[in-house]
Amino acid sequence: MKDCCKEYLMSQFGDEDVVGEIYNEYVESLGQKLSESEAAIASQDWIALDRAAHALKGNALAAGDEAVANVAIELRNAAKLQKLDESKSLVAKIKELQALL
C-alpha cells in the first residue's frame, strides 16, 4: 500500500481493516477505469474518456493518491481538447503509477 494512501485513509477512518478494504477497492476501480479510458481512446470517444478520467480523479482523491489524481486532471483536459497522443501518454503515465500500488 502506498504510504500516502495509507496515511490519508488512516486519518479518515483509523481502522486498518477498513483502510485495507477501501484501498483494495481503489486499486480495483483504477484498473477498471484505465480499461475504460483505453477503450474510449481507441474509439476516440472523448465524452467517455472524460467520464473515466473524472472517475479516476475522484477515486484517487478519495484514496489520498494525489499523483494519480493530478494526471487524471490532465487527462480530462486532454479529452476535452480531443488530444489523442496526449491522452495515450497520460493513460500510460497512470499505468506506471498503478504499478507502484
C-alpha atoms as a PDB file:
ATOM      1  CA  MET A   1       0.000   0.000   0.000  1.00  0.00           C
ATOM      2  CA  LYS A   2       1.325   3.428  -0.935  1.00  0.00           C
ATOM      3  CA  ASP A   3       2.317   5.402   2.135  1.00  0.00           C
ATOM      4  CA  CYS A   4       0.396   8.499   1.052  1.00  0.00           C
ATOM      5  CA  CYS A   5      -2.797   6.481   0.679  1.00  0.00           C
ATOM      6  CA  LYS A   6      -2.325   4.643   3.965  1.00  0.00           C
ATOM      7  CA  GLU A   7      -1.669   7.860   5.882  1.00  0.00           C
ATOM      8  CA  TYR A   8      -4.642   9.619   4.330  1.00  0.00           C
ATOM      9  CA  LEU A   9      -7.052   6.727   4.784  1.00  0.00           C
ATOM     10  CA  MET A  10      -5.903   6.107   8.364  1.00  0.00           C
ATOM     11  CA  SER A  11      -6.518   9.768   9.155  1.00  0.00           C
ATOM     12  CA  GLN A  12     -10.034   9.420   7.742  1.00  0.00           C
ATOM     13  CA  PHE A  13     -11.040   6.024   9.129  1.00  0.00           C
ATOM     14  CA  GLY A  14      -8.487   4.980  11.767  1.00  0.00           C
ATOM     15  CA  ASP A  15      -9.120   1.270  11.243  1.00  0.00           C
ATOM     16  CA  GLU A  16      -6.592  -0.834   9.343  1.00  0.00           C
ATOM     17  CA  ASP A  17      -9.206  -3.331   8.169  1.00  0.00           C
ATOM     18  CA  VAL A  18     -11.403  -0.572   6.745  1.00  0.00           C
ATOM     19  CA  VAL A  19      -8.377   1.120   5.207  1.00  0.00           C
ATOM     20  CA  GLY A  20      -7.292  -2.127   3.567  1.00  0.00           C
ATOM     21  CA  GLU A  21     -10.754  -2.710   2.145  1.00  0.00           C
ATOM     22  CA  ILE A  22     -11.037   0.818   0.762  1.00  0.00           C
ATOM     23  CA  TYR A  23      -7.551   0.654  -0.703  1.00  0.00           C
ATOM     24  CA  ASN A  24      -8.292  -2.655  -2.415  1.00  0.00           C
ATOM     25  CA  GLU A  25     -11.477  -1.179  -3.884  1.00  0.00           C
ATOM     26  CA  TYR A  26      -9.464   1.791  -5.119  1.00  0.00           C
ATOM     27  CA  VAL A  27      -6.890  -0.453  -6.805  1.00  0.00           C
ATOM     28  CA  GLU A  28      -9.669  -2.468  -8.459  1.00  0.00           C
ATOM     29  CA  SER A  29     -11.502   0.644  -9.644  1.00  0.00           C
ATOM     30  CA  LEU A  30      -8.278   2.067 -11.034  1.00  0.00           C
ATOM     31  CA  GLY A  31      -7.823  -0.946 -13.273  1.00  0.00           C
ATOM     32  CA  GLN A  32     -11.421  -0.765 -14.434  1.00  0.00           C
ATOM     33  CA  LYS A  33     -11.276   2.960 -15.222  1.00  0.00           C
ATOM     34  CA  LEU A  34      -7.974   2.553 -17.046  1.00  0.00           C
ATOM     35  CA  SER A  35      -9.566  -0.120 -19.239  1.00  0.00           C
ATOM     36  CA  GLU A  36     -12.492   2.214 -19.914  1.00  0.00           C
ATOM     37  CA  SER A  37     -10.051   5.004 -20.748  1.00  0.00           C
ATOM     38  CA  GLU A  38      -8.148   2.841 -23.206  1.00  0.00           C
ATOM     39  CA  ALA A  39     -11.379   1.752 -24.904  1.00  0.00           C
ATOM     40  CA  ALA A  40     -12.527   5.373 -25.137  1.00  0.00           C
ATOM     41  CA  ILE A  41      -9.210   6.411 -26.662  1.00  0.00           C
ATOM     42  CA  ALA A  42      -9.339   3.547 -29.152  1.00  0.00           C
ATOM     43  CA  SER A  43     -12.768   4.685 -30.342  1.00  0.00           C
ATOM     44  CA  GLN A  44     -11.949   8.376 -29.854  1.00  0.00           C
ATOM     45  CA  ASP A  45     -14.995   8.702 -27.611  1.00  0.00           C
ATOM     46  CA  TRP A  46     -13.971  11.898 -25.871  1.00  0.00           C
ATOM     47  CA  ILE A  47     -17.050  12.055 -23.650  1.00  0.00           C
ATOM     48  CA  ALA A  48     -16.440   8.535 -22.337  1.00  0.00           C
ATOM     49  CA  LEU A  49     -12.774   9.377 -21.800  1.00  0.00           C
ATOM     50  CA  ASP A  50     -13.696  12.495 -19.849  1.00  0.00           C
ATOM     51  CA  ARG A  51     -16.091  10.454 -17.680  1.00  0.00           C
ATOM     52  CA  ALA A  52     -13.473   7.786 -17.000  1.00  0.00           C
ATOM     53  CA  ALA A  53     -10.839  10.420 -16.194  1.00  0.00           C
ATOM     54  CA  HIS A  54     -13.291  12.186 -13.882  1.00  0.00           C
ATOM     55  CA  ALA A  55     -13.903   8.922 -12.027  1.00  0.00           C
ATOM     56  CA  LEU A  56     -10.149   8.248 -11.869  1.00  0.00           C
ATOM     57  CA  LYS A  57      -9.606  11.659 -10.324  1.00  0.00           C
ATOM     58  CA  GLY A  58     -12.373  11.255  -7.766  1.00  0.00           C
ATOM     59  CA  ASN A  59     -11.365   7.751  -6.761  1.00  0.00           C
ATOM     60  CA  ALA A  60      -7.724   8.762  -6.432  1.00  0.00           C
ATOM     61  CA  LEU A  61      -8.560  11.764  -4.272  1.00  0.00           C
ATOM     62  CA  ALA A  62     -10.823   9.633  -2.086  1.00  0.00           C
ATOM     63  CA  ALA A  63      -7.900   7.252  -1.533  1.00  0.00           C
ATOM     64  CA  GLY A  64      -5.336  10.014  -0.966  1.00  0.00           C
ATOM     65  CA  ASP A  65      -3.436   9.299  -4.188  1.00  0.00           C
ATOM     66  CA  GLU A  66      -2.663  12.810  -5.393  1.00  0.00           C
ATOM     67  CA  ALA A  67      -0.212  11.632  -8.075  1.00  0.00           C
ATOM     68  CA  VAL A  68      -2.903   9.706  -9.961  1.00  0.00           C
ATOM     69  CA  ALA A  69      -5.446  12.465  -9.332  1.00  0.00           C
ATOM     70  CA  ASN A  70      -3.171  15.077 -10.884  1.00  0.00           C
ATOM     71  CA  VAL A  71      -2.573  13.005 -14.018  1.00  0.00           C
ATOM     72  CA  ALA A  72      -6.306  12.278 -14.250  1.00  0.00           C
ATOM     73  CA  ILE A  73      -6.965  16.034 -14.241  1.00  0.00           C
ATOM     74  CA  GLU A  74      -4.540  16.385 -17.153  1.00  0.00           C
ATOM     75  CA  LEU A  75      -6.319  13.505 -18.891  1.00  0.00           C
ATOM     76  CA  ARG A  76      -9.673  15.268 -18.525  1.00  0.00           C
ATOM     77  CA  ASN A  77      -8.186  18.352 -20.142  1.00  0.00           C
ATOM     78  CA  ALA A  78      -6.708  16.293 -22.988  1.00  0.00           C
ATOM     79  CA  ALA A  79     -10.078  14.616 -23.539  1.00  0.00           C
ATOM     80  CA  LYS A  80     -11.877  17.949 -23.658  1.00  0.00           C
ATOM     81  CA  LEU A  81      -9.374  19.174 -26.258  1.00  0.00           C
ATOM     82  CA  GLN A  82      -9.502  15.833 -28.117  1.00  0.00           C
ATOM     83  CA  LYS A  83      -5.745  15.357 -27.941  1.00  0.00           C
ATOM     84  CA  LEU A  84      -5.214  11.729 -28.893  1.00  0.00           C
ATOM     85  CA  ASP A  85      -1.444  11.368 -28.389  1.00  0.00           C
ATOM     86  CA  GLU A  86      -1.506  13.277 -25.111  1.00  0.00           C
ATOM     87  CA  SER A  87      -4.391  11.134 -23.870  1.00  0.00           C
ATOM     88  CA  LYS A  88      -2.480   7.947 -24.689  1.00  0.00           C
ATOM     89  CA  SER A  89       0.602   9.272 -22.924  1.00  0.00           C
ATOM     90  CA  LEU A  90      -1.351  10.239 -19.817  1.00  0.00           C
ATOM     91  CA  VAL A  91      -3.051   6.842 -19.581  1.00  0.00           C
ATOM     92  CA  ALA A  92       0.399   5.260 -19.844  1.00  0.00           C
ATOM     93  CA  LYS A  93       1.575   7.512 -17.017  1.00  0.00           C
ATOM     94  CA  ILE A  94      -1.342   6.446 -14.819  1.00  0.00           C
ATOM     95  CA  LYS A  95      -0.491   2.811 -15.578  1.00  0.00           C
ATOM     96  CA  GLU A  96       3.067   3.462 -14.402  1.00  0.00           C
ATOM     97  CA  LEU A  97       1.685   4.920 -11.188  1.00  0.00           C
ATOM     98  CA  GLN A  98      -0.679   1.958 -10.877  1.00  0.00           C
ATOM     99  CA  ALA A  99       2.332  -0.364 -10.909  1.00  0.00           C
ATOM    100  CA  LEU A 100       3.527   1.327  -7.718  1.00  0.00           C
ATOM    101  CA  LEU A 101       0.351   0.457  -5.807  1.00  0.00           C
END
